[in-house]
Amino acid sequence: MIAIVGIVVVFGSIIGGYLMEHGHLAVLNQPAEYLIIGGAALGSLLIGAPLKVLKSIISQLMKILGSSPSKATYTELLVMMYELFNVARKDGLVGLEAHIENPEESTVISKYRFFMKNHHALDFLADTMRLIIMGGVPEHDLDTMLDLDLETHHEENSKPVTTLARIGDALPGLGIVAAVLGVVITMGAIGGPPEEIGHKVGAALVGTFLGILLSYGLVQPLSFNLQEINDVESKYYVCLKQGLVAFHKGFAASIAVEFARRAIPGDVRPGFLEIEEACRAAKAGKPIQTEEAVPA
């Protein structure tokens, strides 16, 4: 949500400063320039990106209005792993099958709503647990396999960000294209009245202005924001991965959870005693109190 505030500040500051110098907003209203720059940018996007990436750009832009994992979200994840690992300790690995195959009906997993909403994390947990139950995969090989999974997922999420950044890099050039076309039109009217020539020159300069503004004031900052969101979200999967690997190595549930906790970024990492208390509460059948994830 802070990104929306930033966009308002950028455009508000520029327009406000322009008006303070007695500029006229009507001069900036140049539909032809908007069409040239916007249409060329959209066309470049369609040329350079597959349909799958275009859909991903839209879905990732919606993340700006969403939320990122918070301290409470990580607490929920750690307690969920603790309960799941304890099921294996009590009932053996076979006891995990019902929870993994039908997480919506699981008495453990279904309690944790944020985790249930994260379909990739749910699939990541289920597929890894299936491997552990099957057996035959050494600890270091499982670690490598999970790293490969996370790396692939991160690369997929990075493609829309890279594409958006490239469009941002191209916008100043497209603004120059619009400006050059405006100058060509102006040269065709060079014998006209000064007012007409001035209007056409102003329209041409609006193209350059718009291309630079959209690039450095909107599109590139949005791509940086999305990259940061993806990096933050990737930590959530790393936390889950560390817990699963530690569990596969034979550590007790509380120790495996501690491995996972140490992978959490410091600003949202719950304390050792907090997790210990939350795990005790879950073991006693008490609900875990979690707040909503913080805005991105």
C-alpha atoms as a PDB file:
ATOM      1  CA  MET A   1       0.000   0.000   0.000  1.00  0.00           C
ATOM      2  CA  ILE A   2       2.926   2.351   0.631  1.00  0.00           C
ATOM      3  CA  ALA A   3       3.678   2.144  -3.100  1.00  0.00           C
ATOM      4  CA  ILE A   4       0.322   3.800  -3.845  1.00  0.00           C
ATOM      5  CA  VAL A   5       1.287   6.645  -1.526  1.00  0.00           C
ATOM      6  CA  GLY A   6       4.616   6.934  -3.345  1.00  0.00           C
ATOM      7  CA  ILE A   7       2.904   7.202  -6.741  1.00  0.00           C
ATOM      8  CA  VAL A   8       0.631   9.957  -5.418  1.00  0.00           C
ATOM      9  CA  VAL A   9       3.657  11.808  -3.995  1.00  0.00           C
ATOM     10  CA  VAL A  10       5.598  11.575  -7.282  1.00  0.00           C
ATOM     11  CA  PHE A  11       2.814  12.872  -9.498  1.00  0.00           C
ATOM     12  CA  GLY A  12       1.525  15.297  -6.879  1.00  0.00           C
ATOM     13  CA  SER A  13       4.965  16.864  -6.433  1.00  0.00           C
ATOM     14  CA  ILE A  14       5.587  17.230 -10.157  1.00  0.00           C
ATOM     15  CA  ILE A  15       2.159  18.647 -10.969  1.00  0.00           C
ATOM     16  CA  GLY A  16       2.203  20.829  -7.855  1.00  0.00           C
ATOM     17  CA  GLY A  17       5.596  22.305  -8.739  1.00  0.00           C
ATOM     18  CA  TYR A  18       4.460  22.880 -12.308  1.00  0.00           C
ATOM     19  CA  LEU A  19       1.368  24.764 -11.135  1.00  0.00           C
ATOM     20  CA  MET A  20       3.419  26.805  -8.650  1.00  0.00           C
ATOM     21  CA  GLU A  21       5.369  28.153 -11.617  1.00  0.00           C
ATOM     22  CA  HIS A  22       2.035  29.104 -13.246  1.00  0.00           C
ATOM     23  CA  GLY A  23       2.126  26.262 -15.746  1.00  0.00           C
ATOM     24  CA  HIS A  24      -1.078  25.283 -17.543  1.00  0.00           C
ATOM     25  CA  LEU A  25      -2.230  21.672 -17.209  1.00  0.00           C
ATOM     26  CA  ALA A  26      -3.969  21.887 -20.575  1.00  0.00           C
ATOM     27  CA  VAL A  27      -0.557  22.072 -22.245  1.00  0.00           C
ATOM     28  CA  LEU A  28       0.298  18.633 -20.825  1.00  0.00           C
ATOM     29  CA  ASN A  29      -2.844  17.137 -22.317  1.00  0.00           C
ATOM     30  CA  GLN A  30      -1.401  15.728 -25.527  1.00  0.00           C
ATOM     31  CA  PRO A  31      -3.371  12.572 -26.459  1.00  0.00           C
ATOM     32  CA  ALA A  32      -1.229  11.913 -29.525  1.00  0.00           C
ATOM     33  CA  GLU A  33       1.929  11.807 -27.395  1.00  0.00           C
ATOM     34  CA  TYR A  34       0.211   9.490 -24.915  1.00  0.00           C
ATOM     35  CA  LEU A  35      -0.822   7.193 -27.752  1.00  0.00           C
ATOM     36  CA  ILE A  36       2.655   7.075 -29.287  1.00  0.00           C
ATOM     37  CA  ILE A  37       4.452   6.339 -26.006  1.00  0.00           C
ATOM     38  CA  GLY A  38       1.799   4.118 -24.427  1.00  0.00           C
ATOM     39  CA  GLY A  39       1.093   2.183 -27.608  1.00  0.00           C
ATOM     40  CA  ALA A  40       4.774   1.669 -28.393  1.00  0.00           C
ATOM     41  CA  ALA A  41       5.468   0.525 -24.818  1.00  0.00           C
ATOM     42  CA  LEU A  42       2.544  -1.905 -24.903  1.00  0.00           C
ATOM     43  CA  GLY A  43       3.585  -3.193 -28.311  1.00  0.00           C
ATOM     44  CA  SER A  44       7.160  -3.707 -27.119  1.00  0.00           C
ATOM     45  CA  LEU A  45       5.805  -5.632 -24.151  1.00  0.00           C
ATOM     46  CA  LEU A  46       3.716  -7.876 -26.396  1.00  0.00           C
ATOM     47  CA  ILE A  47       6.691  -8.484 -28.697  1.00  0.00           C
ATOM     48  CA  GLY A  48       9.167  -9.274 -25.936  1.00  0.00           C
ATOM     49  CA  ALA A  49       7.118 -11.279 -23.437  1.00  0.00           C
ATOM     50  CA  PRO A  50       5.115 -14.528 -23.766  1.00  0.00           C
ATOM     51  CA  LEU A  51       1.472 -14.555 -22.696  1.00  0.00           C
ATOM     52  CA  LYS A  52       2.366 -16.411 -19.493  1.00  0.00           C
ATOM     53  CA  VAL A  53       4.737 -13.623 -18.442  1.00  0.00           C
ATOM     54  CA  LEU A  54       2.142 -10.954 -19.282  1.00  0.00           C
ATOM     55  CA  LYS A  55      -0.358 -12.660 -16.996  1.00  0.00           C
ATOM     56  CA  SER A  56       2.296 -12.918 -14.296  1.00  0.00           C
ATOM     57  CA  ILE A  57       3.007  -9.183 -14.551  1.00  0.00           C
ATOM     58  CA  ILE A  58      -0.639  -8.415 -13.823  1.00  0.00           C
ATOM     59  CA  SER A  59      -0.848 -10.873 -10.928  1.00  0.00           C
ATOM     60  CA  GLN A  60       2.419  -9.636  -9.427  1.00  0.00           C
ATOM     61  CA  LEU A  61       1.361  -5.999  -9.683  1.00  0.00           C
ATOM     62  CA  MET A  62      -1.617  -6.928  -7.519  1.00  0.00           C
ATOM     63  CA  LYS A  63       0.851  -8.004  -4.827  1.00  0.00           C
ATOM     64  CA  ILE A  64       1.586  -4.338  -4.207  1.00  0.00           C
ATOM     65  CA  LEU A  65      -1.920  -4.068  -2.768  1.00  0.00           C
ATOM     66  CA  GLY A  66      -1.473  -7.297  -0.836  1.00  0.00           C
ATOM     67  CA  SER A  67       0.643  -8.249   2.134  1.00  0.00           C
ATOM     68  CA  SER A  68       3.968  -9.864   2.917  1.00  0.00           C
ATOM     69  CA  PRO A  69       4.788 -12.460   5.590  1.00  0.00           C
ATOM     70  CA  SER A  70       4.763 -10.978   9.085  1.00  0.00           C
ATOM     71  CA  LYS A  71       6.058 -12.181  12.429  1.00  0.00           C
ATOM     72  CA  ALA A  72       2.684 -13.762  13.155  1.00  0.00           C
ATOM     73  CA  THR A  73       2.702 -15.483   9.769  1.00  0.00           C
ATOM     74  CA  TYR A  74       6.073 -17.067  10.499  1.00  0.00           C
ATOM     75  CA  THR A  75       4.905 -18.068  13.971  1.00  0.00           C
ATOM     76  CA  GLU A  76       1.982 -19.857  12.355  1.00  0.00           C
ATOM     77  CA  LEU A  77       4.321 -21.670   9.947  1.00  0.00           C
ATOM     78  CA  LEU A  78       6.706 -22.786  12.700  1.00  0.00           C
ATOM     79  CA  VAL A  79       3.914 -24.055  14.939  1.00  0.00           C
ATOM     80  CA  MET A  80       2.324 -25.896  12.019  1.00  0.00           C
ATOM     81  CA  MET A  81       5.629 -27.662  11.317  1.00  0.00           C
ATOM     82  CA  TYR A  82       6.019 -28.477  15.011  1.00  0.00           C
ATOM     83  CA  GLU A  83       2.601 -30.126  15.131  1.00  0.00           C
ATOM     84  CA  LEU A  84       3.184 -31.999  11.888  1.00  0.00           C
ATOM     85  CA  PHE A  85       6.576 -33.301  12.984  1.00  0.00           C
ATOM     86  CA  ASN A  86       5.082 -34.462  16.275  1.00  0.00           C
ATOM     87  CA  VAL A  87       2.492 -36.461  14.363  1.00  0.00           C
ATOM     88  CA  ALA A  88       5.375 -38.342  12.736  1.00  0.00           C
ATOM     89  CA  ARG A  89       6.989 -38.886  16.141  1.00  0.00           C
ATOM     90  CA  LYS A  90       3.797 -40.358  17.604  1.00  0.00           C
ATOM     91  CA  ASP A  91       2.329 -42.230  14.637  1.00  0.00           C
ATOM     92  CA  GLY A  92       5.364 -42.700  12.415  1.00  0.00           C
ATOM     93  CA  LEU A  93       5.819 -41.323   8.915  1.00  0.00           C
ATOM     94  CA  VAL A  94       2.772 -43.258   7.748  1.00  0.00           C
ATOM     95  CA  GLY A  95       0.676 -41.109  10.078  1.00  0.00           C
ATOM     96  CA  LEU A  96       1.533 -38.072   7.956  1.00  0.00           C
ATOM     97  CA  GLU A  97      -0.064 -39.433   4.794  1.00  0.00           C
ATOM     98  CA  ALA A  98      -3.623 -38.436   5.681  1.00  0.00           C
ATOM     99  CA  HIS A  99      -2.505 -34.890   6.474  1.00  0.00           C
ATOM    100  CA  ILE A 100      -0.460 -34.538   3.292  1.00  0.00           C
ATOM    101  CA  GLU A 101      -2.921 -36.087   0.851  1.00  0.00           C
ATOM    102  CA  ASN A 102      -5.907 -34.117   2.168  1.00  0.00           C
ATOM    103  CA  PRO A 103      -4.616 -30.932   3.810  1.00  0.00           C
ATOM    104  CA  GLU A 104      -8.090 -29.357   3.731  1.00  0.00           C
ATOM    105  CA  GLU A 105      -9.325 -32.142   6.018  1.00  0.00           C
ATOM    106  CA  SER A 106      -6.150 -32.338   8.103  1.00  0.00           C
ATOM    107  CA  THR A 107      -6.638 -31.576  11.784  1.00  0.00           C
ATOM    108  CA  VAL A 108      -3.199 -29.953  11.754  1.00  0.00           C
ATOM    109  CA  ILE A 109      -2.652 -28.122   8.461  1.00  0.00           C
ATOM    110  CA  SER A 110      -6.200 -26.837   7.944  1.00  0.00           C
ATOM    111  CA  LYS A 111      -5.986 -24.768  11.157  1.00  0.00           C
ATOM    112  CA  TYR A 112      -3.418 -22.424   9.669  1.00  0.00           C
ATOM    113  CA  ARG A 113      -5.284 -20.205   7.218  1.00  0.00           C
ATOM    114  CA  PHE A 114      -2.370 -18.158   5.855  1.00  0.00           C
ATOM    115  CA  PHE A 115      -0.445 -21.315   5.001  1.00  0.00           C
ATOM    116  CA  MET A 116      -3.539 -22.877   3.432  1.00  0.00           C
ATOM    117  CA  LYS A 117      -3.895 -19.856   1.143  1.00  0.00           C
ATOM    118  CA  ASN A 118      -0.320 -20.262  -0.098  1.00  0.00           C
ATOM    119  CA  HIS A 119      -0.777 -22.979  -2.707  1.00  0.00           C
ATOM    120  CA  HIS A 120       2.880 -23.158  -3.697  1.00  0.00           C
ATOM    121  CA  ALA A 121       3.988 -23.583  -0.074  1.00  0.00           C
ATOM    122  CA  LEU A 122       1.317 -26.243   0.408  1.00  0.00           C
ATOM    123  CA  ASP A 123       2.485 -28.167  -2.663  1.00  0.00           C
ATOM    124  CA  PHE A 124       6.113 -27.724  -1.600  1.00  0.00           C
ATOM    125  CA  LEU A 125       5.343 -29.233   1.811  1.00  0.00           C
ATOM    126  CA  ALA A 126       3.249 -32.071   0.411  1.00  0.00           C
ATOM    127  CA  ASP A 127       5.723 -33.119  -2.288  1.00  0.00           C
ATOM    128  CA  THR A 128       8.658 -33.009   0.122  1.00  0.00           C
ATOM    129  CA  MET A 129       6.817 -35.009   2.766  1.00  0.00           C
ATOM    130  CA  ARG A 130       5.920 -37.625   0.170  1.00  0.00           C
ATOM    131  CA  LEU A 131       9.621 -38.032  -0.620  1.00  0.00           C
ATOM    132  CA  ILE A 132      10.484 -38.311   3.063  1.00  0.00           C
ATOM    133  CA  ILE A 133       7.755 -40.915   3.601  1.00  0.00           C
ATOM    134  CA  MET A 134       8.949 -42.909   0.579  1.00  0.00           C
ATOM    135  CA  GLY A 135      12.505 -42.853   1.919  1.00  0.00           C
ATOM    136  CA  GLY A 136      15.692 -43.539   0.018  1.00  0.00           C
ATOM    137  CA  VAL A 137      16.684 -39.891  -0.463  1.00  0.00           C
ATOM    138  CA  PRO A 138      19.843 -38.903   1.476  1.00  0.00           C
ATOM    139  CA  GLU A 139      19.716 -35.683   3.487  1.00  0.00           C
ATOM    140  CA  HIS A 140      22.152 -33.784   1.282  1.00  0.00           C
ATOM    141  CA  ASP A 141      20.321 -34.837  -1.881  1.00  0.00           C
ATOM    142  CA  LEU A 142      17.007 -33.668  -0.457  1.00  0.00           C
ATOM    143  CA  ASP A 143      18.617 -30.351   0.446  1.00  0.00           C
ATOM    144  CA  THR A 144      19.895 -29.965  -3.124  1.00  0.00           C
ATOM    145  CA  MET A 145      16.530 -30.928  -4.591  1.00  0.00           C
ATOM    146  CA  LEU A 146      14.658 -28.366  -2.491  1.00  0.00           C
ATOM    147  CA  ASP A 147      17.173 -25.671  -3.388  1.00  0.00           C
ATOM    148  CA  LEU A 148      16.558 -26.455  -7.054  1.00  0.00           C
ATOM    149  CA  ASP A 149      12.798 -26.202  -6.526  1.00  0.00           C
ATOM    150  CA  LEU A 150      13.096 -22.831  -4.798  1.00  0.00           C
ATOM    151  CA  GLU A 151      15.548 -21.529  -7.388  1.00  0.00           C
ATOM    152  CA  THR A 152      13.161 -22.454 -10.205  1.00  0.00           C
ATOM    153  CA  HIS A 153      10.259 -20.776  -8.429  1.00  0.00           C
ATOM    154  CA  HIS A 154      12.326 -17.645  -7.826  1.00  0.00           C
ATOM    155  CA  GLU A 155      13.378 -17.485 -11.483  1.00  0.00           C
ATOM    156  CA  GLU A 156       9.745 -17.743 -12.579  1.00  0.00           C
ATOM    157  CA  ASN A 157       8.785 -14.879 -10.287  1.00  0.00           C
ATOM    158  CA  SER A 158      11.718 -12.790 -11.519  1.00  0.00           C
ATOM    159  CA  LYS A 159      10.720 -12.884 -15.208  1.00  0.00           C
ATOM    160  CA  PRO A 160       7.826 -10.386 -14.878  1.00  0.00           C
ATOM    161  CA  VAL A 161      10.051  -8.089 -12.813  1.00  0.00           C
ATOM    162  CA  THR A 162      12.816  -8.169 -15.428  1.00  0.00           C
ATOM    163  CA  THR A 163      10.335  -7.570 -18.241  1.00  0.00           C
ATOM    164  CA  LEU A 164       8.812  -4.593 -16.445  1.00  0.00           C
ATOM    165  CA  ALA A 165      12.268  -3.140 -15.768  1.00  0.00           C
ATOM    166  CA  ARG A 166      13.174  -3.420 -19.458  1.00  0.00           C
ATOM    167  CA  ILE A 167      10.036  -1.529 -20.430  1.00  0.00           C
ATOM    168  CA  GLY A 168      11.030   1.116 -17.900  1.00  0.00           C
ATOM    169  CA  ASP A 169      14.448   1.373 -19.541  1.00  0.00           C
ATOM    170  CA  ALA A 170      12.813   1.781 -22.956  1.00  0.00           C
ATOM    171  CA  LEU A 171      10.340   4.511 -22.011  1.00  0.00           C
ATOM    172  CA  PRO A 172      12.796   7.467 -22.213  1.00  0.00           C
ATOM    173  CA  GLY A 173      13.734   6.331 -25.726  1.00  0.00           C
ATOM    174  CA  LEU A 174      10.074   6.078 -26.702  1.00  0.00           C
ATOM    175  CA  GLY A 175       9.593   9.576 -25.313  1.00  0.00           C
ATOM    176  CA  ILE A 176      12.346  10.788 -27.622  1.00  0.00           C
ATOM    177  CA  VAL A 177      10.609   9.059 -30.546  1.00  0.00           C
ATOM    178  CA  ALA A 178       7.424  10.969 -29.738  1.00  0.00           C
ATOM    179  CA  ALA A 179       9.408  14.203 -29.414  1.00  0.00           C
ATOM    180  CA  VAL A 180      11.154  13.696 -32.769  1.00  0.00           C
ATOM    181  CA  LEU A 181       7.814  13.113 -34.476  1.00  0.00           C
ATOM    182  CA  GLY A 182       6.576  16.296 -32.843  1.00  0.00           C
ATOM    183  CA  VAL A 183       9.569  18.204 -34.201  1.00  0.00           C
ATOM    184  CA  VAL A 184       8.907  16.791 -37.683  1.00  0.00           C
ATOM    185  CA  ILE A 185       5.354  18.104 -37.482  1.00  0.00           C
ATOM    186  CA  THR A 186       6.654  21.448 -36.225  1.00  0.00           C
ATOM    187  CA  MET A 187       9.058  21.751 -39.157  1.00  0.00           C
ATOM    188  CA  GLY A 188       6.113  21.279 -41.478  1.00  0.00           C
ATOM    189  CA  ALA A 189       4.456  24.321 -39.917  1.00  0.00           C
ATOM    190  CA  ILE A 190       7.599  26.458 -39.665  1.00  0.00           C
ATOM    191  CA  GLY A 191       6.057  29.226 -41.763  1.00  0.00           C
ATOM    192  CA  GLY A 192       3.003  29.511 -39.529  1.00  0.00           C
ATOM    193  CA  PRO A 193       2.337  31.941 -36.680  1.00  0.00           C
ATOM    194  CA  PRO A 194       4.653  31.809 -33.632  1.00  0.00           C
ATOM    195  CA  GLU A 195       1.790  30.683 -31.367  1.00  0.00           C
ATOM    196  CA  GLU A 196       1.184  27.592 -33.484  1.00  0.00           C
ATOM    197  CA  ILE A 197       4.876  26.735 -33.643  1.00  0.00           C
ATOM    198  CA  GLY A 198       5.219  27.188 -29.874  1.00  0.00           C
ATOM    199  CA  HIS A 199       2.246  24.902 -29.267  1.00  0.00           C
ATOM    200  CA  LYS A 200       3.723  22.170 -31.454  1.00  0.00           C
ATOM    201  CA  VAL A 201       7.164  22.453 -29.840  1.00  0.00           C
ATOM    202  CA  GLY A 202       5.534  22.223 -26.411  1.00  0.00           C
ATOM    203  CA  ALA A 203       3.624  19.131 -27.489  1.00  0.00           C
ATOM    204  CA  ALA A 204       6.868  17.535 -28.695  1.00  0.00           C
ATOM    205  CA  LEU A 205       8.586  18.244 -25.377  1.00  0.00           C
ATOM    206  CA  VAL A 206       5.682  16.655 -23.506  1.00  0.00           C
ATOM    207  CA  GLY A 207       6.629  13.359 -25.164  1.00  0.00           C
ATOM    208  CA  THR A 208      10.159  13.484 -23.753  1.00  0.00           C
ATOM    209  CA  PHE A 209       8.833  14.553 -20.362  1.00  0.00           C
ATOM    210  CA  LEU A 210       6.276  11.754 -20.243  1.00  0.00           C
ATOM    211  CA  GLY A 211       8.724   9.029 -21.257  1.00  0.00           C
ATOM    212  CA  ILE A 212      11.247  10.011 -18.584  1.00  0.00           C
ATOM    213  CA  LEU A 213       8.572  10.474 -15.908  1.00  0.00           C
ATOM    214  CA  LEU A 214       6.918   7.110 -16.524  1.00  0.00           C
ATOM    215  CA  SER A 215      10.288   5.362 -16.545  1.00  0.00           C
ATOM    216  CA  TYR A 216      11.973   6.809 -13.471  1.00  0.00           C
ATOM    217  CA  GLY A 217       8.869   7.855 -11.564  1.00  0.00           C
ATOM    218  CA  LEU A 218       6.623   4.824 -12.042  1.00  0.00           C
ATOM    219  CA  VAL A 219       7.641   1.720 -14.001  1.00  0.00           C
ATOM    220  CA  GLN A 220      11.170   1.186 -12.679  1.00  0.00           C
ATOM    221  CA  PRO A 221      10.197   1.842  -9.029  1.00  0.00           C
ATOM    222  CA  LEU A 222       7.352  -0.650  -9.471  1.00  0.00           C
ATOM    223  CA  SER A 223       9.794  -3.271 -10.763  1.00  0.00           C
ATOM    224  CA  PHE A 224      12.096  -2.646  -7.771  1.00  0.00           C
ATOM    225  CA  ASN A 225       9.113  -3.006  -5.441  1.00  0.00           C
ATOM    226  CA  LEU A 226       8.062  -6.302  -7.005  1.00  0.00           C
ATOM    227  CA  GLN A 227      11.616  -7.639  -6.757  1.00  0.00           C
ATOM    228  CA  GLU A 228      11.694  -6.774  -3.067  1.00  0.00           C
ATOM    229  CA  ILE A 229       8.315  -8.463  -2.526  1.00  0.00           C
ATOM    230  CA  ASN A 230       9.563 -11.614  -4.283  1.00  0.00           C
ATOM    231  CA  ASP A 231      12.744 -11.624  -2.186  1.00  0.00           C
ATOM    232  CA  VAL A 232      10.727 -11.302   1.022  1.00  0.00           C
ATOM    233  CA  GLU A 233       8.362 -14.089  -0.030  1.00  0.00           C
ATOM    234  CA  SER A 234      11.274 -16.368  -0.929  1.00  0.00           C
ATOM    235  CA  LYS A 235      12.415 -16.262   2.718  1.00  0.00           C
ATOM    236  CA  TYR A 236       9.133 -17.902   3.691  1.00  0.00           C
ATOM    237  CA  TYR A 237       9.933 -20.906   1.498  1.00  0.00           C
ATOM    238  CA  VAL A 238      13.510 -21.051   2.763  1.00  0.00           C
ATOM    239  CA  CYS A 239      12.166 -21.205   6.319  1.00  0.00           C
ATOM    240  CA  LEU A 240       9.871 -24.093   5.369  1.00  0.00           C
ATOM    241  CA  LYS A 241      12.701 -25.854   3.555  1.00  0.00           C
ATOM    242  CA  GLN A 242      15.077 -25.628   6.528  1.00  0.00           C
ATOM    243  CA  GLY A 243      12.491 -27.177   8.825  1.00  0.00           C
ATOM    244  CA  LEU A 244      11.806 -30.049   6.437  1.00  0.00           C
ATOM    245  CA  VAL A 245      15.497 -30.809   5.900  1.00  0.00           C
ATOM    246  CA  ALA A 246      16.166 -30.786   9.648  1.00  0.00           C
ATOM    247  CA  PHE A 247      13.199 -33.110  10.200  1.00  0.00           C
ATOM    248  CA  HIS A 248      14.511 -35.467   7.517  1.00  0.00           C
ATOM    249  CA  LYS A 249      17.867 -35.545   9.288  1.00  0.00           C
ATOM    250  CA  GLY A 250      16.147 -36.938  12.371  1.00  0.00           C
ATOM    251  CA  PHE A 251      16.126 -33.915  14.663  1.00  0.00           C
ATOM    252  CA  ALA A 252      13.374 -33.596  17.235  1.00  0.00           C
ATOM    253  CA  ALA A 253      10.398 -31.431  16.286  1.00  0.00           C
ATOM    254  CA  SER A 254      11.474 -28.523  18.491  1.00  0.00           C
ATOM    255  CA  ILE A 255      15.026 -28.571  17.080  1.00  0.00           C
ATOM    256  CA  ALA A 256      13.808 -28.812  13.477  1.00  0.00           C
ATOM    257  CA  VAL A 257      11.581 -25.807  14.113  1.00  0.00           C
ATOM    258  CA  GLU A 258      14.562 -23.913  15.524  1.00  0.00           C
ATOM    259  CA  PHE A 259      16.487 -24.589  12.303  1.00  0.00           C
ATOM    260  CA  ALA A 260      13.567 -23.060  10.426  1.00  0.00           C
ATOM    261  CA  ARG A 261      13.311 -20.087  12.808  1.00  0.00           C
ATOM    262  CA  ARG A 262      16.961 -19.171  12.244  1.00  0.00           C
ATOM    263  CA  ALA A 263      16.240 -18.747   8.504  1.00  0.00           C
ATOM    264  CA  ILE A 264      13.675 -15.986   9.146  1.00  0.00           C
ATOM    265  CA  PRO A 265      14.733 -12.348   8.564  1.00  0.00           C
ATOM    266  CA  GLY A 266      15.455 -10.532  11.813  1.00  0.00           C
ATOM    267  CA  ASP A 267      12.717  -7.904  11.510  1.00  0.00           C
ATOM    268  CA  VAL A 268       9.950 -10.538  11.473  1.00  0.00           C
ATOM    269  CA  ARG A 269      11.662 -13.376  13.347  1.00  0.00           C
ATOM    270  CA  PRO A 270       9.762 -14.531  16.448  1.00  0.00           C
ATOM    271  CA  GLY A 271      11.847 -15.102  19.555  1.00  0.00           C
ATOM    272  CA  PHE A 272      12.887 -18.523  20.835  1.00  0.00           C
ATOM    273  CA  LEU A 273      10.645 -18.256  23.885  1.00  0.00           C
ATOM    274  CA  GLU A 274       7.733 -17.001  21.797  1.00  0.00           C
ATOM    275  CA  ILE A 275       7.866 -20.084  19.599  1.00  0.00           C
ATOM    276  CA  GLU A 276       8.321 -22.355  22.587  1.00  0.00           C
ATOM    277  CA  GLU A 277       5.219 -20.885  24.203  1.00  0.00           C
ATOM    278  CA  ALA A 278       3.234 -21.058  20.954  1.00  0.00           C
ATOM    279  CA  CYS A 279       4.198 -24.717  20.456  1.00  0.00           C
ATOM    280  CA  ARG A 280       3.135 -25.546  23.998  1.00  0.00           C
ATOM    281  CA  ALA A 281      -0.184 -23.822  23.409  1.00  0.00           C
ATOM    282  CA  ALA A 282      -0.710 -25.794  20.203  1.00  0.00           C
ATOM    283  CA  LYS A 283       0.201 -29.030  21.983  1.00  0.00           C
ATOM    284  CA  ALA A 284      -2.403 -28.214  24.623  1.00  0.00           C
ATOM    285  CA  GLY A 285      -5.012 -27.677  21.936  1.00  0.00           C
ATOM    286  CA  LYS A 286      -5.201 -23.908  22.314  1.00  0.00           C
ATOM    287  CA  PRO A 287      -5.660 -21.820  19.139  1.00  0.00           C
ATOM    288  CA  ILE A 288      -2.688 -19.841  17.897  1.00  0.00           C
ATOM    289  CA  GLN A 289      -3.422 -16.128  17.807  1.00  0.00           C
ATOM    290  CA  THR A 290      -2.015 -14.630  14.613  1.00  0.00           C
ATOM    291  CA  GLU A 291      -2.461 -11.172  13.170  1.00  0.00           C
ATOM    292  CA  GLU A 292      -2.889 -10.334   9.499  1.00  0.00           C
ATOM    293  CA  ALA A 293       0.234 -10.176   7.366  1.00  0.00           C
ATOM    294  CA  VAL A 294       1.704  -6.697   7.154  1.00  0.00           C
ATOM    295  CA  PRO A 295       1.181  -4.545   4.039  1.00  0.00           C
ATOM    296  CA  ALA A 296       3.845  -4.890   1.354  1.00  0.00           C
END
